């Protein structure tokens, strides 16, 4: 199966699982469940769940066992977007090519929608089959640590506090290691854990995820200043408008592109212990480096 077909097929499989896991739109109170579904099924690429399933395969596991954590990371990711878009945070009106949750349902429902999606993520994650090495507790601890104040939320705090300030590259890396790379890395680790992966393989996937997550953010920053709102599906130039430090602002465009390439090389090298079994992970990483939106 070529990469394009794999990405499309796997994203469809994840969407079907998400549809099964989430409460139906008519479940009372309907407004919150409609808002949750509006946000989840807004056309995302499903990169994190795809990485979760691909990591399970790379470690010799059954991708079907990785569907609960794959959906859980997507629910956590979507919750973070709903909250990031709020007026009190990034104040964005457009996400994935359509109005953000708070523009459609109001700020109060958007806050509750994010809360509900985060809670639902752990309900879904709890359905992950345990293995000899990893229990349900291990899976829950992995995602909770990733989504908490030391990583995902902490990254958003540092991001908010950095607006209007001239940050160093080291400070920017610290933000994005927490805000972007942590959840991508957890996606890989959770997938591997469903395959009962040995600790050495988890370490390799951790190094891969951290390097790739930073590369993904560098490219995101580049696209924010080189592409249009119509192409991106979200407001272009927003970071510059709020005086947020980005890789192009600190390093310049050419140096940012070189940084993305360097990080991607580091990510690829981290997969060497897998030999040919990580071919799909390499393909996806290469695809991300070349993306234009």
Protein backbone atom coordinates (compact mmCIF):
# COMPACT_ATOMS: atom_id res chain seq x y z
CA UNK A 1 0.00 0.00 0.00
CA UNK A 2 1.49 3.37 -1.00
CA UNK A 3 1.73 6.13 1.58
CA UNK A 4 -1.17 8.20 0.27
CA UNK A 5 -3.52 5.24 0.38
CA UNK A 6 -2.22 4.21 3.80
CA UNK A 7 -2.79 7.67 5.29
CA UNK A 8 -6.30 7.91 3.85
CA UNK A 9 -7.28 4.37 4.82
CA UNK A 10 -5.89 4.66 8.34
CA UNK A 11 -7.50 8.07 8.92
CA UNK A 12 -10.85 6.59 7.86
CA UNK A 13 -10.36 3.69 10.26
CA UNK A 14 -9.61 6.13 13.09
CA UNK A 15 -12.68 8.21 12.22
CA UNK A 16 -14.89 5.13 12.38
CA UNK A 17 -13.48 4.24 15.78
CA UNK A 18 -13.96 7.79 17.04
CA UNK A 19 -17.56 7.66 15.86
CA UNK A 20 -18.08 4.47 17.86
CA UNK A 21 -16.40 5.80 20.99
CA UNK A 22 -18.04 9.23 21.16
CA UNK A 23 -21.60 9.75 22.43
CA UNK A 24 -24.06 10.20 19.57
CA UNK A 25 -25.04 13.75 18.63
CA UNK A 26 -28.58 13.30 19.96
CA UNK A 27 -27.47 12.02 23.36
CA UNK A 28 -28.73 14.42 26.03
CA UNK A 29 -27.65 17.11 26.54
CA UNK A 30 -27.35 17.26 22.75
CA UNK A 31 -25.54 20.61 22.52
CA UNK A 32 -22.34 19.38 24.14
CA UNK A 33 -22.22 16.17 22.11
CA UNK A 34 -22.83 18.09 18.90
CA UNK A 35 -20.00 20.47 19.80
CA UNK A 36 -17.68 17.56 20.57
CA UNK A 37 -18.43 15.92 17.24
CA UNK A 38 -18.19 19.22 15.38
CA UNK A 39 -14.67 19.68 16.73
CA UNK A 40 -13.48 16.09 16.32
CA UNK A 41 -14.83 15.60 12.80
CA UNK A 42 -13.61 18.91 11.43
CA UNK A 43 -11.28 17.29 8.91
CA UNK A 44 -8.01 16.82 10.79
CA UNK A 45 -5.20 14.75 9.26
CA UNK A 46 -5.19 12.26 12.21
CA UNK A 47 -1.39 12.29 12.25
CA UNK A 48 -1.06 11.41 15.94
CA UNK A 49 -3.37 8.37 15.80
CA UNK A 50 -1.71 7.28 12.56
CA UNK A 51 1.68 7.42 14.29
CA UNK A 52 0.21 5.43 17.18
CA UNK A 53 -0.96 2.65 14.86
CA UNK A 54 2.25 2.69 12.81
CA UNK A 55 4.35 2.37 15.98
CA UNK A 56 2.31 -0.66 17.03
CA UNK A 57 3.03 -2.24 13.65
CA UNK A 58 6.74 -1.38 13.83
CA UNK A 59 6.91 -3.23 17.15
CA UNK A 60 5.16 -6.30 15.76
CA UNK A 61 1.76 -5.64 17.34
CA UNK A 62 -1.81 -5.71 16.07
CA UNK A 63 -2.90 -2.15 15.10
CA UNK A 64 -6.46 -3.01 16.17
CA UNK A 65 -5.25 -3.13 19.79
CA UNK A 66 -3.82 0.38 19.36
CA UNK A 67 -7.11 1.95 18.24
CA UNK A 68 -8.21 3.02 21.77
CA UNK A 69 -4.98 4.95 22.52
CA UNK A 70 -4.94 6.27 18.93
CA UNK A 71 -8.41 7.74 19.45
CA UNK A 72 -7.51 8.94 22.95
CA UNK A 73 -4.57 11.02 21.71
CA UNK A 74 -6.74 12.53 18.99
CA UNK A 75 -9.38 13.48 21.56
CA UNK A 76 -6.71 15.10 23.73
CA UNK A 77 -5.28 16.90 20.72
CA UNK A 78 -8.72 18.18 19.68
CA UNK A 79 -9.51 19.38 23.20
CA UNK A 80 -6.25 21.36 23.21
CA UNK A 81 -7.19 23.01 19.89
CA UNK A 82 -10.67 23.94 21.13
CA UNK A 83 -9.18 25.62 24.19
CA UNK A 84 -6.24 27.19 22.31
CA UNK A 85 -8.69 28.89 19.92
CA UNK A 86 -10.64 30.59 22.74
CA UNK A 87 -10.52 34.40 23.02
CA UNK A 88 -8.68 34.05 26.35
CA UNK A 89 -5.94 32.04 24.60
CA UNK A 90 -5.03 32.45 20.90
CA UNK A 91 -8.39 34.04 19.95
CA UNK A 92 -8.79 32.33 16.58
CA UNK A 93 -11.93 32.24 14.44
CA UNK A 94 -10.86 29.52 12.00
CA UNK A 95 -9.70 25.94 12.51
CA UNK A 96 -9.34 23.23 9.86
CA UNK A 97 -11.03 25.47 7.33
CA UNK A 98 -14.18 26.27 9.27
CA UNK A 99 -15.35 28.40 12.24
CA UNK A 100 -13.85 27.41 15.58
CA UNK A 101 -15.98 25.76 18.24
CA UNK A 102 -16.56 28.93 20.26
CA UNK A 103 -17.67 30.83 17.16
CA UNK A 104 -20.39 28.23 16.53
CA UNK A 105 -21.44 27.22 20.05
CA UNK A 106 -20.28 30.12 22.22
CA UNK A 107 -17.39 30.37 24.65
CA UNK A 108 -19.05 28.58 27.55
CA UNK A 109 -19.92 25.49 25.52
CA UNK A 110 -16.45 25.53 23.91
CA UNK A 111 -14.81 25.41 27.34
CA UNK A 112 -17.06 22.53 28.35
CA UNK A 113 -16.50 20.82 25.00
CA UNK A 114 -12.75 20.80 25.60
CA UNK A 115 -13.27 19.51 29.13
CA UNK A 116 -15.56 16.75 27.86
CA UNK A 117 -13.15 15.68 25.11
CA UNK A 118 -10.27 15.45 27.58
CA UNK A 119 -12.36 13.37 29.99
CA UNK A 120 -13.60 11.16 27.16
CA UNK A 121 -9.99 10.53 26.10
CA UNK A 122 -9.31 8.63 29.32
CA UNK A 123 -12.57 6.68 29.08
CA UNK A 124 -11.50 5.52 25.63
CA UNK A 125 -7.90 4.86 26.71
CA UNK A 126 -9.11 2.61 29.53
CA UNK A 127 -10.35 0.18 26.87
CA UNK A 128 -6.79 -0.58 25.72
CA UNK A 129 -5.94 -4.29 26.11
CA UNK A 130 -3.13 -4.79 28.68
CA UNK A 131 0.06 -6.69 27.80
CA UNK A 132 2.68 -8.52 29.83
CA UNK A 133 4.71 -5.33 30.30
CA UNK A 134 2.04 -2.62 30.28
CA UNK A 135 -1.18 -2.37 32.27
CA UNK A 136 -4.11 0.02 31.89
CA UNK A 137 -2.49 2.06 34.64
CA UNK A 138 0.66 2.45 32.52
CA UNK A 139 -1.34 3.74 29.55
CA UNK A 140 -3.33 6.19 31.69
CA UNK A 141 -0.16 7.45 33.41
CA UNK A 142 1.55 7.97 30.04
CA UNK A 143 -1.23 10.13 28.62
CA UNK A 144 -1.94 11.98 31.88
CA UNK A 145 1.70 13.02 32.26
CA UNK A 146 1.77 14.15 28.62
CA UNK A 147 -1.39 16.23 28.91
CA UNK A 148 -0.62 17.80 32.28
CA UNK A 149 1.16 20.86 33.62
CA UNK A 150 4.65 19.54 32.86
CA UNK A 151 4.03 19.04 29.14
CA UNK A 152 0.99 20.00 27.03
CA UNK A 153 -0.58 22.51 29.43
CA UNK A 154 2.81 23.73 30.63
CA UNK A 155 3.80 24.38 27.02
CA UNK A 156 0.69 26.47 26.47
CA UNK A 157 1.44 28.45 29.64
CA UNK A 158 4.97 29.18 28.46
CA UNK A 159 3.59 30.09 25.02
CA UNK A 160 1.12 32.58 26.50
CA UNK A 161 3.74 34.09 28.76
CA UNK A 162 6.13 34.44 25.83
CA UNK A 163 3.83 36.59 23.68
CA UNK A 164 5.31 40.01 22.99
CA UNK A 165 8.71 38.91 24.29
CA UNK A 166 11.91 38.12 22.41
CA UNK A 167 12.60 34.51 23.26
CA UNK A 168 15.82 32.63 22.64
CA UNK A 169 15.93 29.52 20.50
CA UNK A 170 16.42 27.43 23.67
CA UNK A 171 13.26 28.91 25.21
CA UNK A 172 11.30 28.25 22.02
CA UNK A 173 12.50 24.66 21.90
CA UNK A 174 11.40 24.19 25.52
CA UNK A 175 7.89 25.43 24.67
CA UNK A 176 7.47 23.21 21.64
CA UNK A 177 9.05 20.17 23.24
CA UNK A 178 6.18 20.41 25.74
CA UNK A 179 3.39 21.70 23.53
CA UNK A 180 3.91 19.81 20.26
CA UNK A 181 6.52 17.06 20.58
CA UNK A 182 5.19 15.56 23.83
CA UNK A 183 1.81 14.43 22.47
CA UNK A 184 3.31 13.13 19.24
CA UNK A 185 5.86 11.17 21.28
CA UNK A 186 3.15 9.79 23.57
CA UNK A 187 1.21 8.65 20.50
CA UNK A 188 4.20 6.57 19.39
CA UNK A 189 4.90 5.21 22.86
CA UNK A 190 1.28 4.22 23.50
CA UNK A 191 1.13 2.39 20.18
CA UNK A 192 4.34 0.55 20.99
CA UNK A 193 3.06 -0.33 24.46
CA UNK A 194 0.06 -2.14 22.93
CA UNK A 195 2.63 -4.31 21.15
CA UNK A 196 4.41 -5.08 24.45
CA UNK A 197 7.51 -3.27 23.15
CA UNK A 198 10.79 -3.66 25.01
CA UNK A 199 12.08 -0.56 26.86
CA UNK A 200 14.85 -0.04 24.28
CA UNK A 201 12.26 0.31 21.54
CA UNK A 202 10.27 2.79 23.61
CA UNK A 203 13.46 4.81 24.07
CA UNK A 204 14.10 4.82 20.30
CA UNK A 205 10.53 5.93 19.58
CA UNK A 206 10.82 8.64 22.23
CA UNK A 207 13.91 10.07 20.51
CA UNK A 208 12.14 9.81 17.14
CA UNK A 209 9.01 11.55 18.41
CA UNK A 210 10.82 14.39 20.13
CA UNK A 211 12.94 15.22 17.08
CA UNK A 212 10.04 14.84 14.67
CA UNK A 213 7.69 16.87 16.88
CA UNK A 214 10.12 19.78 16.87
CA UNK A 215 10.60 19.47 13.11
CA UNK A 216 6.81 19.49 12.68
CA UNK A 217 6.59 22.74 14.69
CA UNK A 218 9.39 24.41 12.74
CA UNK A 219 7.56 23.61 9.50
CA UNK A 220 4.27 24.84 11.01
CA UNK A 221 5.95 28.16 11.86
CA UNK A 222 7.37 28.40 8.32
CA UNK A 223 3.97 27.75 6.75
CA UNK A 224 2.36 30.39 8.95
CA UNK A 225 4.39 33.07 7.17
CA UNK A 226 4.59 31.53 3.67
CA UNK A 227 1.07 30.21 3.02
CA UNK A 228 -2.41 31.72 2.88
CA UNK A 229 -5.33 31.23 5.25
CA UNK A 230 -7.20 29.40 2.47
CA UNK A 231 -4.42 26.85 2.03
CA UNK A 232 -3.71 26.35 5.74
CA UNK A 233 -7.35 26.13 6.85
CA UNK A 234 -6.50 28.40 9.80
CA UNK A 235 -5.59 32.07 10.14
CA UNK A 236 -2.22 32.68 8.49
CA UNK A 237 0.18 35.22 9.98
CA UNK A 238 -1.47 35.03 13.39
CA UNK A 239 1.78 34.39 15.27
CA UNK A 240 3.39 37.49 13.81
CA UNK A 241 0.29 39.56 14.57
CA UNK A 242 0.45 38.78 18.30
CA UNK A 243 4.25 39.14 18.36
CA UNK A 244 4.77 35.48 19.20
CA UNK A 245 8.32 34.18 18.89
CA UNK A 246 8.63 31.60 16.12
CA UNK A 247 11.50 29.82 14.40
CA UNK A 248 11.42 32.12 11.32
CA UNK A 249 11.30 35.19 13.59
CA UNK A 250 14.34 34.02 15.55
CA UNK A 251 16.36 32.12 12.93
CA UNK A 252 15.04 33.42 9.60
CA UNK A 253 13.31 31.32 6.93
CA UNK A 254 16.36 29.66 5.37
CA UNK A 255 17.87 28.71 8.72
CA UNK A 256 14.46 27.44 9.87
CA UNK A 257 14.26 25.14 6.85
CA UNK A 258 17.74 23.83 7.63
CA UNK A 259 16.70 23.28 11.26
CA UNK A 260 13.65 21.28 10.14
CA UNK A 261 15.85 19.14 7.90
CA UNK A 262 18.39 18.61 10.71
CA UNK A 263 15.69 17.52 13.16
CA UNK A 264 14.18 15.17 10.62
CA UNK A 265 17.57 13.54 10.04
CA UNK A 266 17.87 13.07 13.80
CA UNK A 267 14.40 11.51 13.87
CA UNK A 268 15.28 9.10 11.07
CA UNK A 269 18.50 8.08 12.81
CA UNK A 270 16.55 7.24 15.96
CA UNK A 271 14.69 4.56 13.98
CA UNK A 272 17.87 2.69 12.98
CA UNK A 273 17.40 -0.05 15.64
CA UNK A 274 14.12 -1.04 13.95
CA UNK A 275 15.80 -1.63 10.58
CA UNK A 276 13.12 -2.30 7.92
CA UNK A 277 10.28 -2.60 10.43
CA UNK A 278 10.05 1.19 10.74
CA UNK A 279 9.73 1.85 7.00
CA UNK A 280 6.22 3.24 7.38
CA UNK A 281 7.27 5.59 10.20
CA UNK A 282 10.10 6.86 7.99
CA UNK A 283 7.69 7.44 5.11
CA UNK A 284 5.29 9.44 7.27
CA UNK A 285 8.14 11.53 8.71
CA UNK A 286 9.44 12.32 5.23
CA UNK A 287 5.90 13.24 4.15
CA UNK A 288 5.62 15.71 7.05
CA UNK A 289 8.88 17.42 6.14
CA UNK A 290 7.62 18.01 2.60
CA UNK A 291 4.11 19.19 3.48
CA UNK A 292 2.80 22.57 2.29
CA UNK A 293 -0.18 22.87 4.68
